[in-house]
Every structure is written in structure tokens, then in C-alpha cells.
Amino acid sequence: PGMGVTYRPFPERRFAEIVFFVVSKKVQIRGYGSRMMNHLKAAMQGEGFQRLLVYGDNTAVRFFAKQGFQEVLVGNPRWKEYIKDYQQSTLMECVLSPEIDYLNVPPMVKQQHEDLRAYQLEKTGTSFILRPGLRVFKEGKVKILHPSEIPGVDPHYYTLTERERSLRMKQLVEPMTKILDEITKLPEASLFLEPV
């Protein structure tokens, strides 16, 4: 498949900048990009690097976020005069953990899911969390709830800045649009595309 990565190492600063990371559209969404990224992380980890930096354009930010990169919100002197600033791109960083075997991430994540389910089953008697309904409806009160008041909703989401929330929303819109596009292409969907 058509793919490749180019990076600039800065060993004295223990970071590397990903200059180009390309996966052909023909083979995207098949896991090749993730595998290539994990091999790069393993190679950098083996050479003693602690961080990877990349400037992601709008189409790549979501991919890098899925690979463990986070937006750099404040400049860092560690790389300030080493890498070039790019316009209309987001500077992102991934901290390489010495405890992670990047070449075995899928089995590790699967094991974590199994361990979590076993822990939940042992602790609660079920592998899922059942939450009580909202009492506000039973009490007959009309009250607008803030989403963070709903049991099970991640309260961290509502402490994010507007920019961070916007980035999360963009990360949802793209895959949902792709799913909708794929569904509307199905022959069975033709009955539902036009109003009756």
C-alpha cells in the first residue's frame, strides 16, 4: 500500500518531529496508519525518545488524536526553536510511555477490556453499569438539567474549553458523515431517500 513516514530526530532534546505521515486514500481506515504509527513509536522509544510532535492539518487532527496525540496549547521551550511553525495546522504531541509495548497494542487493549469486565462483574455482579432513572421526571418538576447532572455522563467533558469541545465535535462529525454516506449508498436505502 502507498504509505510512508518521514521524521526529524532531535536526540539531545529527546523528541522527534513527524514531518510527513502519508497513507493512500485507497487503504485508509484499514489500520495501516495505526500500525505504521505504532512501529514509529516503538522505534523512537527504543532510541530513548520521549515525545513525538506533529503539525496536523484539519484532515489529520482526528487521526493523530486517535493515535494518542494531544493538542499543544502552550509553547514549550523544549522544541520552540527547533521546529517550524505552520499556519492552519495544529501542533500535537504524543508522550511515549516506557511501559507500553507499541507493537502489541491491540492485544493489550483487548486484555484491558476483559480485565475491566471481569472486575465489574466481580464487584457488581454484572458486566455493565445500570444507573437509576432521573428523578426529576417522577417528581413532576419541570427542570432543565445540565448534562453533567445526568448519572453516567462524563463530567470532564463540561470542563473543557470551547476550543476543546469544538475539536471533539469535529472528531464526531466526520465519522458520522461517512457512516451516513455509506448507508445512503446501500440499495435498501433508496426507499428512505425521498419523502413519501
N, C-alpha and C. Protein backbone atom coordinates (compact mmCIF):
# COMPACT_ATOMS: atom_id res chain seq x y z
N PRO A 1 0.82 -1.20 0.00
CA PRO A 1 0.00 0.00 0.00
C PRO A 1 0.86 1.26 0.00
N GLY A 2 0.34 2.33 -0.56
CA GLY A 2 1.07 3.60 -0.62
C GLY A 2 1.04 4.32 0.71
N MET A 3 2.14 4.26 1.43
CA MET A 3 2.21 4.93 2.72
C MET A 3 3.68 5.13 3.10
N GLY A 4 3.89 6.09 4.00
CA GLY A 4 5.25 6.34 4.44
C GLY A 4 5.29 7.40 5.52
N VAL A 5 6.42 7.48 6.19
CA VAL A 5 6.59 8.47 7.25
C VAL A 5 8.02 9.02 7.18
N THR A 6 8.13 10.32 7.40
CA THR A 6 9.42 10.98 7.48
C THR A 6 9.45 11.75 8.79
N TYR A 7 10.56 11.65 9.51
CA TYR A 7 10.64 12.38 10.77
C TYR A 7 12.04 12.97 10.93
N ARG A 8 12.11 14.01 11.77
CA ARG A 8 13.38 14.64 12.11
C ARG A 8 13.65 14.40 13.59
N PRO A 9 14.70 13.65 13.90
CA PRO A 9 15.00 13.39 15.32
C PRO A 9 15.81 14.53 15.93
N PHE A 10 15.54 14.81 17.17
CA PHE A 10 16.32 15.75 17.97
C PHE A 10 16.75 15.00 19.23
N PRO A 11 17.77 14.14 19.11
CA PRO A 11 18.15 13.27 20.24
C PRO A 11 18.56 14.03 21.49
N GLU A 12 19.20 15.19 21.31
CA GLU A 12 19.63 15.94 22.50
C GLU A 12 18.45 16.48 23.29
N ARG A 13 17.29 16.63 22.63
CA ARG A 13 16.06 17.10 23.30
C ARG A 13 15.08 15.95 23.55
N ARG A 14 15.43 14.76 23.07
CA ARG A 14 14.64 13.53 23.27
C ARG A 14 13.24 13.61 22.68
N PHE A 15 13.13 14.28 21.51
CA PHE A 15 11.87 14.28 20.78
C PHE A 15 12.16 14.20 19.29
N ALA A 16 11.14 13.81 18.54
CA ALA A 16 11.23 13.77 17.08
C ALA A 16 9.99 14.45 16.51
N GLU A 17 10.18 15.13 15.39
CA GLU A 17 9.07 15.77 14.70
C GLU A 17 8.68 14.90 13.50
N ILE A 18 7.42 14.55 13.42
CA ILE A 18 6.92 13.85 12.23
C ILE A 18 6.69 14.92 11.17
N VAL A 19 7.45 14.84 10.09
CA VAL A 19 7.37 15.85 9.03
C VAL A 19 6.29 15.46 8.01
N PHE A 20 6.28 14.21 7.62
CA PHE A 20 5.25 13.69 6.71
C PHE A 20 4.76 12.35 7.23
N PHE A 21 3.46 12.16 7.19
CA PHE A 21 2.86 10.88 7.55
C PHE A 21 1.74 10.67 6.55
N VAL A 22 1.93 9.76 5.62
CA VAL A 22 1.00 9.63 4.50
C VAL A 22 0.51 8.19 4.38
N VAL A 23 -0.80 8.06 4.22
CA VAL A 23 -1.43 6.77 3.93
C VAL A 23 -2.36 7.01 2.74
N SER A 24 -2.19 6.25 1.68
CA SER A 24 -3.00 6.40 0.48
C SER A 24 -4.49 6.27 0.82
N LYS A 25 -5.31 7.09 0.17
CA LYS A 25 -6.76 7.03 0.42
C LYS A 25 -7.32 5.64 0.13
N LYS A 26 -6.70 4.91 -0.80
CA LYS A 26 -7.18 3.58 -1.16
C LYS A 26 -7.12 2.59 0.00
N VAL A 27 -6.19 2.82 0.93
CA VAL A 27 -6.03 1.86 2.03
C VAL A 27 -6.31 2.48 3.40
N GLN A 28 -6.88 3.69 3.42
CA GLN A 28 -7.21 4.30 4.71
C GLN A 28 -8.34 3.54 5.39
N ILE A 29 -8.44 3.67 6.69
CA ILE A 29 -9.45 3.04 7.54
C ILE A 29 -9.32 1.51 7.53
N ARG A 30 -8.12 1.02 7.32
CA ARG A 30 -7.86 -0.42 7.40
C ARG A 30 -6.85 -0.76 8.49
N GLY A 31 -6.38 0.28 9.20
CA GLY A 31 -5.44 0.03 10.29
C GLY A 31 -3.98 0.16 9.92
N TYR A 32 -3.68 0.40 8.63
CA TYR A 32 -2.28 0.52 8.23
C TYR A 32 -1.61 1.73 8.88
N GLY A 33 -2.31 2.85 8.93
CA GLY A 33 -1.75 4.06 9.54
C GLY A 33 -1.44 3.84 11.02
N SER A 34 -2.35 3.18 11.73
CA SER A 34 -2.13 2.90 13.15
C SER A 34 -0.92 1.99 13.33
N ARG A 35 -0.80 0.97 12.48
CA ARG A 35 0.34 0.07 12.60
C ARG A 35 1.65 0.79 12.31
N MET A 36 1.63 1.64 11.27
CA MET A 36 2.84 2.37 10.94
C MET A 36 3.22 3.31 12.10
N MET A 37 2.21 3.97 12.69
CA MET A 37 2.47 4.86 13.82
C MET A 37 3.04 4.07 15.01
N ASN A 38 2.47 2.90 15.28
CA ASN A 38 2.96 2.10 16.40
C ASN A 38 4.40 1.63 16.17
N HIS A 39 4.75 1.31 14.93
CA HIS A 39 6.14 0.94 14.63
C HIS A 39 7.07 2.13 14.82
N LEU A 40 6.62 3.32 14.41
CA LEU A 40 7.42 4.53 14.62
C LEU A 40 7.61 4.78 16.12
N LYS A 41 6.52 4.67 16.89
CA LYS A 41 6.62 4.88 18.34
C LYS A 41 7.60 3.89 18.97
N ALA A 42 7.51 2.63 18.56
CA ALA A 42 8.41 1.60 19.12
C ALA A 42 9.86 1.91 18.77
N ALA A 43 10.11 2.34 17.53
CA ALA A 43 11.48 2.67 17.11
C ALA A 43 12.01 3.87 17.91
N MET A 44 11.19 4.89 18.07
CA MET A 44 11.60 6.09 18.81
C MET A 44 11.82 5.76 20.30
N GLN A 45 10.93 4.94 20.83
CA GLN A 45 11.05 4.51 22.24
C GLN A 45 12.36 3.76 22.43
N GLY A 46 12.70 2.89 21.49
CA GLY A 46 13.94 2.11 21.57
C GLY A 46 15.20 2.96 21.51
N GLU A 47 15.08 4.14 20.90
CA GLU A 47 16.23 5.05 20.79
C GLU A 47 16.25 6.08 21.92
N GLY A 48 15.32 5.95 22.88
CA GLY A 48 15.33 6.83 24.04
C GLY A 48 14.55 8.13 23.89
N PHE A 49 13.75 8.23 22.84
CA PHE A 49 12.94 9.44 22.66
C PHE A 49 11.74 9.39 23.60
N GLN A 50 11.32 10.56 24.07
CA GLN A 50 10.19 10.65 25.00
C GLN A 50 8.93 11.21 24.36
N ARG A 51 9.08 11.94 23.25
CA ARG A 51 7.92 12.61 22.65
C ARG A 51 8.01 12.59 21.14
N LEU A 52 6.81 12.58 20.53
CA LEU A 52 6.69 12.81 19.09
C LEU A 52 5.84 14.06 18.91
N LEU A 53 6.24 14.93 18.00
CA LEU A 53 5.48 16.13 17.69
C LEU A 53 5.08 16.09 16.23
N VAL A 54 3.94 16.68 15.93
CA VAL A 54 3.49 16.75 14.54
C VAL A 54 2.58 17.97 14.39
N TYR A 55 2.66 18.60 13.24
CA TYR A 55 1.68 19.62 12.88
C TYR A 55 0.65 18.91 12.01
N GLY A 56 -0.57 18.78 12.53
CA GLY A 56 -1.63 18.11 11.78
C GLY A 56 -2.56 19.13 11.14
N ASP A 57 -2.84 18.95 9.85
CA ASP A 57 -3.83 19.83 9.23
C ASP A 57 -5.22 19.34 9.64
N ASN A 58 -6.25 20.08 9.24
CA ASN A 58 -7.61 19.78 9.70
C ASN A 58 -8.05 18.36 9.40
N THR A 59 -7.55 17.79 8.30
CA THR A 59 -7.97 16.43 7.95
C THR A 59 -7.23 15.37 8.75
N ALA A 60 -6.10 15.73 9.36
CA ALA A 60 -5.28 14.74 10.07
C ALA A 60 -5.39 14.80 11.58
N VAL A 61 -5.95 15.87 12.12
CA VAL A 61 -6.01 16.04 13.58
C VAL A 61 -6.72 14.85 14.23
N ARG A 62 -7.83 14.43 13.65
CA ARG A 62 -8.60 13.31 14.23
C ARG A 62 -7.77 12.03 14.27
N PHE A 63 -7.05 11.76 13.17
CA PHE A 63 -6.21 10.56 13.13
C PHE A 63 -5.16 10.60 14.23
N PHE A 64 -4.45 11.74 14.35
CA PHE A 64 -3.40 11.84 15.36
C PHE A 64 -3.98 11.75 16.77
N ALA A 65 -5.16 12.31 16.99
CA ALA A 65 -5.80 12.21 18.30
C ALA A 65 -6.07 10.74 18.64
N LYS A 66 -6.51 9.96 17.65
CA LYS A 66 -6.76 8.53 17.88
C LYS A 66 -5.46 7.78 18.19
N GLN A 67 -4.34 8.34 17.76
CA GLN A 67 -3.04 7.70 17.99
C GLN A 67 -2.39 8.15 19.29
N GLY A 68 -3.13 8.93 20.10
CA GLY A 68 -2.61 9.34 21.40
C GLY A 68 -1.98 10.72 21.43
N PHE A 69 -2.10 11.47 20.35
CA PHE A 69 -1.56 12.83 20.31
C PHE A 69 -2.58 13.78 20.89
N GLN A 70 -2.08 14.81 21.57
CA GLN A 70 -2.94 15.86 22.12
C GLN A 70 -2.46 17.20 21.62
N GLU A 71 -3.41 18.13 21.49
CA GLU A 71 -3.08 19.46 21.03
C GLU A 71 -2.17 20.15 22.06
N VAL A 72 -1.13 20.80 21.58
CA VAL A 72 -0.24 21.57 22.44
C VAL A 72 -0.82 22.96 22.54
N LEU A 73 -1.29 23.33 23.73
CA LEU A 73 -1.96 24.60 23.91
C LEU A 73 -1.01 25.73 24.28
N VAL A 74 0.13 25.40 24.86
CA VAL A 74 1.10 26.41 25.28
C VAL A 74 2.46 26.03 24.71
N GLY A 75 3.18 27.01 24.22
CA GLY A 75 4.51 26.74 23.67
C GLY A 75 5.43 26.12 24.70
N ASN A 76 6.36 25.30 24.25
CA ASN A 76 7.29 24.63 25.15
C ASN A 76 8.71 24.93 24.68
N PRO A 77 9.55 25.43 25.55
CA PRO A 77 10.92 25.75 25.13
C PRO A 77 11.73 24.54 24.66
N ARG A 78 11.28 23.34 25.01
CA ARG A 78 11.99 22.12 24.61
C ARG A 78 12.14 22.05 23.08
N TRP A 79 11.15 22.54 22.34
CA TRP A 79 11.21 22.45 20.89
C TRP A 79 10.99 23.78 20.18
N LYS A 80 10.78 24.84 20.94
CA LYS A 80 10.39 26.13 20.37
C LYS A 80 11.28 26.57 19.21
N GLU A 81 12.57 26.47 19.33
CA GLU A 81 13.45 26.96 18.26
C GLU A 81 13.96 25.84 17.36
N TYR A 82 13.35 24.66 17.48
CA TYR A 82 13.82 23.53 16.69
C TYR A 82 12.91 23.21 15.51
N ILE A 83 11.60 23.35 15.72
CA ILE A 83 10.69 23.02 14.63
C ILE A 83 9.99 24.27 14.14
N LYS A 84 9.62 24.24 12.87
CA LYS A 84 8.99 25.38 12.22
C LYS A 84 7.51 25.42 12.57
N ASP A 85 6.96 26.63 12.73
CA ASP A 85 5.52 26.79 12.93
C ASP A 85 4.83 26.77 11.57
N TYR A 86 3.71 26.09 11.49
CA TYR A 86 2.94 26.01 10.26
C TYR A 86 1.58 26.67 10.46
N GLN A 87 1.14 27.41 9.47
CA GLN A 87 -0.16 28.06 9.53
C GLN A 87 -1.25 27.03 9.22
N GLN A 88 -2.43 27.27 9.75
CA GLN A 88 -3.60 26.42 9.52
C GLN A 88 -3.34 24.96 9.85
N SER A 89 -2.52 24.75 10.86
CA SER A 89 -2.24 23.40 11.35
C SER A 89 -2.24 23.43 12.87
N THR A 90 -2.41 22.27 13.45
CA THR A 90 -2.47 22.15 14.90
C THR A 90 -1.24 21.40 15.39
N LEU A 91 -0.49 22.01 16.29
CA LEU A 91 0.66 21.33 16.86
C LEU A 91 0.17 20.31 17.88
N MET A 92 0.58 19.06 17.69
CA MET A 92 0.14 17.97 18.57
C MET A 92 1.36 17.21 19.06
N GLU A 93 1.20 16.61 20.25
CA GLU A 93 2.31 15.89 20.87
C GLU A 93 1.82 14.56 21.42
N CYS A 94 2.69 13.57 21.33
CA CYS A 94 2.42 12.26 21.95
C CYS A 94 3.58 11.95 22.87
N VAL A 95 3.28 11.73 24.14
CA VAL A 95 4.30 11.35 25.11
C VAL A 95 4.43 9.84 25.05
N LEU A 96 5.63 9.37 24.79
CA LEU A 96 5.87 7.93 24.68
C LEU A 96 6.07 7.34 26.08
N SER A 97 5.27 6.35 26.39
CA SER A 97 5.35 5.72 27.70
C SER A 97 6.28 4.51 27.64
N PRO A 98 7.26 4.45 28.54
CA PRO A 98 8.16 3.29 28.54
C PRO A 98 7.45 1.99 28.93
N GLU A 99 6.26 2.09 29.54
CA GLU A 99 5.53 0.88 29.96
C GLU A 99 4.73 0.25 28.83
N ILE A 100 4.58 0.94 27.70
CA ILE A 100 3.73 0.43 26.62
C ILE A 100 4.58 -0.25 25.56
N ASP A 101 4.16 -1.45 25.19
CA ASP A 101 4.77 -2.17 24.07
C ASP A 101 3.94 -1.79 22.84
N TYR A 102 4.38 -0.80 22.11
CA TYR A 102 3.59 -0.24 21.00
C TYR A 102 3.35 -1.24 19.86
N LEU A 103 4.15 -2.28 19.78
CA LEU A 103 3.93 -3.27 18.73
C LEU A 103 2.87 -4.30 19.12
N ASN A 104 2.40 -4.25 20.37
CA ASN A 104 1.37 -5.18 20.82
C ASN A 104 0.18 -4.45 21.45
N VAL A 105 -0.19 -3.31 20.89
CA VAL A 105 -1.28 -2.51 21.46
C VAL A 105 -2.63 -3.22 21.36
N PRO A 106 -3.05 -3.75 20.19
CA PRO A 106 -4.38 -4.37 20.13
C PRO A 106 -4.60 -5.49 21.15
N PRO A 107 -3.67 -6.46 21.31
CA PRO A 107 -3.91 -7.48 22.33
C PRO A 107 -3.92 -6.90 23.75
N MET A 108 -3.10 -5.85 23.98
CA MET A 108 -3.06 -5.22 25.30
C MET A 108 -4.41 -4.56 25.62
N VAL A 109 -4.98 -3.85 24.64
CA VAL A 109 -6.28 -3.18 24.85
C VAL A 109 -7.37 -4.23 25.06
N LYS A 110 -7.33 -5.31 24.29
CA LYS A 110 -8.32 -6.38 24.44
C LYS A 110 -8.24 -6.97 25.85
N GLN A 111 -7.03 -7.19 26.34
CA GLN A 111 -6.85 -7.73 27.69
C GLN A 111 -7.37 -6.75 28.74
N GLN A 112 -7.14 -5.45 28.54
CA GLN A 112 -7.64 -4.45 29.48
C GLN A 112 -9.17 -4.47 29.53
N HIS A 113 -9.82 -4.58 28.36
CA HIS A 113 -11.29 -4.66 28.32
C HIS A 113 -11.78 -5.89 29.07
N GLU A 114 -11.12 -7.02 28.84
CA GLU A 114 -11.52 -8.25 29.52
C GLU A 114 -11.33 -8.12 31.03
N ASP A 115 -10.22 -7.53 31.45
CA ASP A 115 -9.96 -7.34 32.88
C ASP A 115 -10.98 -6.40 33.50
N LEU A 116 -11.34 -5.33 32.79
CA LEU A 116 -12.32 -4.38 33.30
C LEU A 116 -13.70 -5.03 33.44
N ARG A 117 -14.09 -5.80 32.43
CA ARG A 117 -15.38 -6.51 32.52
C ARG A 117 -15.39 -7.50 33.68
N ALA A 118 -14.29 -8.23 33.85
CA ALA A 118 -14.20 -9.19 34.95
C ALA A 118 -14.27 -8.46 36.29
N TYR A 119 -13.61 -7.33 36.40
CA TYR A 119 -13.64 -6.54 37.64
C TYR A 119 -15.06 -6.04 37.91
N GLN A 120 -15.72 -5.51 36.87
CA GLN A 120 -17.10 -5.04 37.05
C GLN A 120 -18.02 -6.18 37.46
N LEU A 121 -17.85 -7.33 36.81
CA LEU A 121 -18.68 -8.50 37.11
C LEU A 121 -18.47 -8.94 38.55
N GLU A 122 -17.22 -8.96 39.00
CA GLU A 122 -16.91 -9.37 40.37
C GLU A 122 -17.46 -8.37 41.38
N LYS A 123 -17.34 -7.10 41.07
CA LYS A 123 -17.72 -6.06 42.02
C LYS A 123 -19.24 -5.82 42.05
N THR A 124 -19.89 -5.87 40.89
CA THR A 124 -21.31 -5.50 40.81
C THR A 124 -22.22 -6.67 40.47
N GLY A 125 -21.65 -7.79 40.04
CA GLY A 125 -22.47 -8.93 39.65
C GLY A 125 -22.96 -8.83 38.21
N THR A 126 -22.57 -7.77 37.50
CA THR A 126 -22.94 -7.61 36.10
C THR A 126 -21.79 -6.95 35.36
N SER A 127 -21.72 -7.16 34.05
CA SER A 127 -20.61 -6.59 33.28
C SER A 127 -20.96 -5.22 32.70
N PHE A 128 -22.11 -4.70 33.06
CA PHE A 128 -22.46 -3.34 32.63
C PHE A 128 -22.95 -2.56 33.83
N ILE A 129 -23.01 -1.27 33.70
CA ILE A 129 -23.42 -0.41 34.80
C ILE A 129 -24.85 0.04 34.57
N LEU A 130 -25.72 -0.28 35.50
CA LEU A 130 -27.12 0.13 35.43
C LEU A 130 -27.29 1.33 36.35
N ARG A 131 -27.78 2.41 35.79
CA ARG A 131 -27.94 3.62 36.58
C ARG A 131 -29.43 3.88 36.81
N PRO A 132 -29.77 4.50 37.94
CA PRO A 132 -31.18 4.79 38.20
C PRO A 132 -31.69 5.86 37.23
N GLY A 133 -32.98 5.86 36.99
CA GLY A 133 -33.57 6.88 36.12
C GLY A 133 -33.48 8.25 36.76
N LEU A 134 -33.79 9.27 35.99
CA LEU A 134 -33.76 10.63 36.51
C LEU A 134 -35.01 10.88 37.34
N ARG A 135 -34.81 11.29 38.57
CA ARG A 135 -35.93 11.52 39.49
C ARG A 135 -36.74 12.75 39.12
N VAL A 136 -36.14 13.66 38.39
CA VAL A 136 -36.83 14.91 38.07
C VAL A 136 -38.16 14.66 37.35
N PHE A 137 -38.26 13.58 36.60
CA PHE A 137 -39.49 13.29 35.87
C PHE A 137 -40.55 12.69 36.80
N LYS A 138 -40.10 11.89 37.77
CA LYS A 138 -41.03 11.29 38.71
C LYS A 138 -41.63 12.33 39.65
N GLU A 139 -40.85 13.35 39.95
CA GLU A 139 -41.30 14.38 40.88
C GLU A 139 -42.22 15.39 40.22
N GLY A 140 -42.42 15.28 38.92
CA GLY A 140 -43.33 16.18 38.20
C GLY A 140 -42.81 17.58 38.04
N LYS A 141 -41.54 17.80 38.33
CA LYS A 141 -40.96 19.13 38.19
C LYS A 141 -40.48 19.32 36.76
N VAL A 142 -40.59 20.54 36.30
CA VAL A 142 -40.03 20.88 35.00
C VAL A 142 -38.70 21.57 35.29
N LYS A 143 -37.63 20.89 34.95
CA LYS A 143 -36.32 21.43 35.23
C LYS A 143 -35.39 21.05 34.08
N ILE A 144 -34.65 22.02 33.62
CA ILE A 144 -33.66 21.73 32.58
C ILE A 144 -32.39 21.31 33.29
N LEU A 145 -31.95 20.10 32.98
CA LEU A 145 -30.75 19.57 33.61
C LEU A 145 -29.52 19.92 32.79
N HIS A 146 -28.47 20.24 33.49
CA HIS A 146 -27.17 20.35 32.83
C HIS A 146 -26.71 18.91 32.58
N PRO A 147 -26.17 18.62 31.41
CA PRO A 147 -25.77 17.23 31.13
C PRO A 147 -24.88 16.61 32.19
N SER A 148 -24.06 17.41 32.87
CA SER A 148 -23.18 16.84 33.89
C SER A 148 -23.96 16.35 35.11
N GLU A 149 -25.26 16.71 35.21
CA GLU A 149 -26.10 16.24 36.33
C GLU A 149 -26.68 14.86 36.05
N ILE A 150 -26.50 14.36 34.84
CA ILE A 150 -27.06 13.06 34.46
C ILE A 150 -26.05 11.98 34.82
N PRO A 151 -26.46 10.99 35.63
CA PRO A 151 -25.52 9.92 36.01
C PRO A 151 -24.98 9.20 34.77
N GLY A 152 -23.67 9.01 34.75
CA GLY A 152 -23.04 8.30 33.65
C GLY A 152 -22.45 9.20 32.59
N VAL A 153 -22.84 10.47 32.56
CA VAL A 153 -22.27 11.40 31.59
C VAL A 153 -20.93 11.87 32.13
N ASP A 154 -19.93 11.87 31.28
CA ASP A 154 -18.58 12.25 31.69
C ASP A 154 -18.55 13.72 32.08
N PRO A 155 -18.38 14.05 33.36
CA PRO A 155 -18.37 15.45 33.78
C PRO A 155 -17.16 16.20 33.26
N HIS A 156 -16.08 15.47 32.92
CA HIS A 156 -14.88 16.11 32.39
C HIS A 156 -15.17 16.87 31.10
N TYR A 157 -16.10 16.33 30.30
CA TYR A 157 -16.43 16.96 29.02
C TYR A 157 -16.88 18.41 29.22
N TYR A 158 -17.57 18.68 30.31
CA TYR A 158 -18.12 20.01 30.53
C TYR A 158 -17.14 20.96 31.21
N THR A 159 -15.93 20.47 31.48
CA THR A 159 -14.89 21.37 31.99
C THR A 159 -13.91 21.74 30.87
N LEU A 160 -14.16 21.23 29.66
CA LEU A 160 -13.28 21.53 28.53
C LEU A 160 -13.52 22.96 28.06
N THR A 161 -12.50 23.52 27.43
CA THR A 161 -12.67 24.85 26.85
C THR A 161 -13.54 24.74 25.61
N GLU A 162 -14.03 25.86 25.13
CA GLU A 162 -14.86 25.85 23.92
C GLU A 162 -14.09 25.25 22.74
N ARG A 163 -12.82 25.56 22.64
CA ARG A 163 -12.00 25.02 21.54
C ARG A 163 -11.86 23.50 21.64
N GLU A 164 -11.66 23.00 22.87
CA GLU A 164 -11.54 21.55 23.06
C GLU A 164 -12.85 20.85 22.74
N ARG A 165 -13.99 21.46 23.15
CA ARG A 165 -15.30 20.88 22.83
C ARG A 165 -15.52 20.87 21.33
N SER A 166 -15.14 21.98 20.68
CA SER A 166 -15.30 22.08 19.23
C SER A 166 -14.49 21.00 18.52
N LEU A 167 -13.26 20.76 19.00
CA LEU A 167 -12.41 19.72 18.41
C LEU A 167 -13.06 18.35 18.58
N ARG A 168 -13.63 18.08 19.76
CA ARG A 168 -14.31 16.80 19.99
C ARG A 168 -15.50 16.65 19.05
N MET A 169 -16.26 17.74 18.86
CA MET A 169 -17.42 17.67 17.96
C MET A 169 -16.97 17.40 16.53
N LYS A 170 -15.90 18.05 16.09
CA LYS A 170 -15.38 17.80 14.75
C LYS A 170 -14.97 16.34 14.59
N GLN A 171 -14.43 15.77 15.67
CA GLN A 171 -14.00 14.37 15.63
C GLN A 171 -15.20 13.44 15.48
N LEU A 172 -16.38 13.86 15.93
CA LEU A 172 -17.58 13.05 15.80
C LEU A 172 -18.25 13.24 14.45
N VAL A 173 -18.26 14.47 13.95
CA VAL A 173 -18.99 14.78 12.72
C VAL A 173 -18.44 14.00 11.53
N GLU A 174 -17.13 13.94 11.40
CA GLU A 174 -16.52 13.29 10.24
C GLU A 174 -16.90 11.80 10.13
N PRO A 175 -16.72 11.00 11.20
CA PRO A 175 -17.09 9.59 11.05
C PRO A 175 -18.60 9.40 10.88
N MET A 176 -19.40 10.23 11.55
CA MET A 176 -20.85 10.10 11.41
C MET A 176 -21.29 10.42 9.98
N THR A 177 -20.66 11.42 9.36
CA THR A 177 -20.97 11.77 7.97
C THR A 177 -20.58 10.62 7.05
N LYS A 178 -19.43 10.01 7.30
CA LYS A 178 -19.00 8.86 6.48
C LYS A 178 -20.00 7.71 6.61
N ILE A 179 -20.46 7.44 7.83
CA ILE A 179 -21.42 6.36 8.04
C ILE A 179 -22.71 6.66 7.29
N LEU A 180 -23.21 7.89 7.41
CA LEU A 180 -24.43 8.28 6.71
C LEU A 180 -24.27 8.16 5.20
N ASP A 181 -23.12 8.59 4.68
CA ASP A 181 -22.86 8.47 3.24
C ASP A 181 -22.89 7.01 2.80
N GLU A 182 -22.26 6.12 3.60
CA GLU A 182 -22.23 4.70 3.25
C GLU A 182 -23.64 4.09 3.29
N ILE A 183 -24.42 4.48 4.28
CA ILE A 183 -25.78 3.95 4.40
C ILE A 183 -26.64 4.38 3.23
N THR A 184 -26.53 5.64 2.83
CA THR A 184 -27.37 6.13 1.72
C THR A 184 -26.98 5.51 0.39
N LYS A 185 -25.80 4.92 0.27
CA LYS A 185 -25.38 4.25 -0.96
C LYS A 185 -25.96 2.84 -1.08
N LEU A 186 -26.45 2.29 0.02
CA LEU A 186 -26.99 0.93 0.00
C LEU A 186 -28.28 0.90 -0.82
N PRO A 187 -28.50 -0.17 -1.59
CA PRO A 187 -29.73 -0.26 -2.38
C PRO A 187 -31.00 -0.21 -1.52
N GLU A 188 -30.92 -0.77 -0.31
CA GLU A 188 -32.08 -0.79 0.58
C GLU A 188 -32.47 0.60 1.06
N ALA A 189 -31.55 1.55 0.96
CA ALA A 189 -31.82 2.89 1.47
C ALA A 189 -32.64 3.73 0.50
N SER A 190 -32.76 3.30 -0.75
CA SER A 190 -33.44 4.11 -1.76
C SER A 190 -34.88 4.43 -1.37
N LEU A 191 -35.54 3.56 -0.62
CA LEU A 191 -36.92 3.80 -0.20
C LEU A 191 -37.03 4.96 0.76
N PHE A 192 -35.94 5.28 1.46
CA PHE A 192 -36.00 6.28 2.50
C PHE A 192 -35.36 7.62 2.12
N LEU A 193 -34.86 7.71 0.89
CA LEU A 193 -34.14 8.92 0.48
C LEU A 193 -35.08 10.04 0.06
N GLU A 194 -36.25 9.70 -0.41
CA GLU A 194 -37.23 10.70 -0.85
C GLU A 194 -38.44 10.69 0.07
N PRO A 195 -38.98 11.88 0.41
CA PRO A 195 -40.18 11.90 1.26
C PRO A 195 -41.37 11.28 0.54
N VAL A 196 -42.27 10.67 1.29
CA VAL A 196 -43.45 10.00 0.71
C VAL A 196 -44.61 10.99 0.69
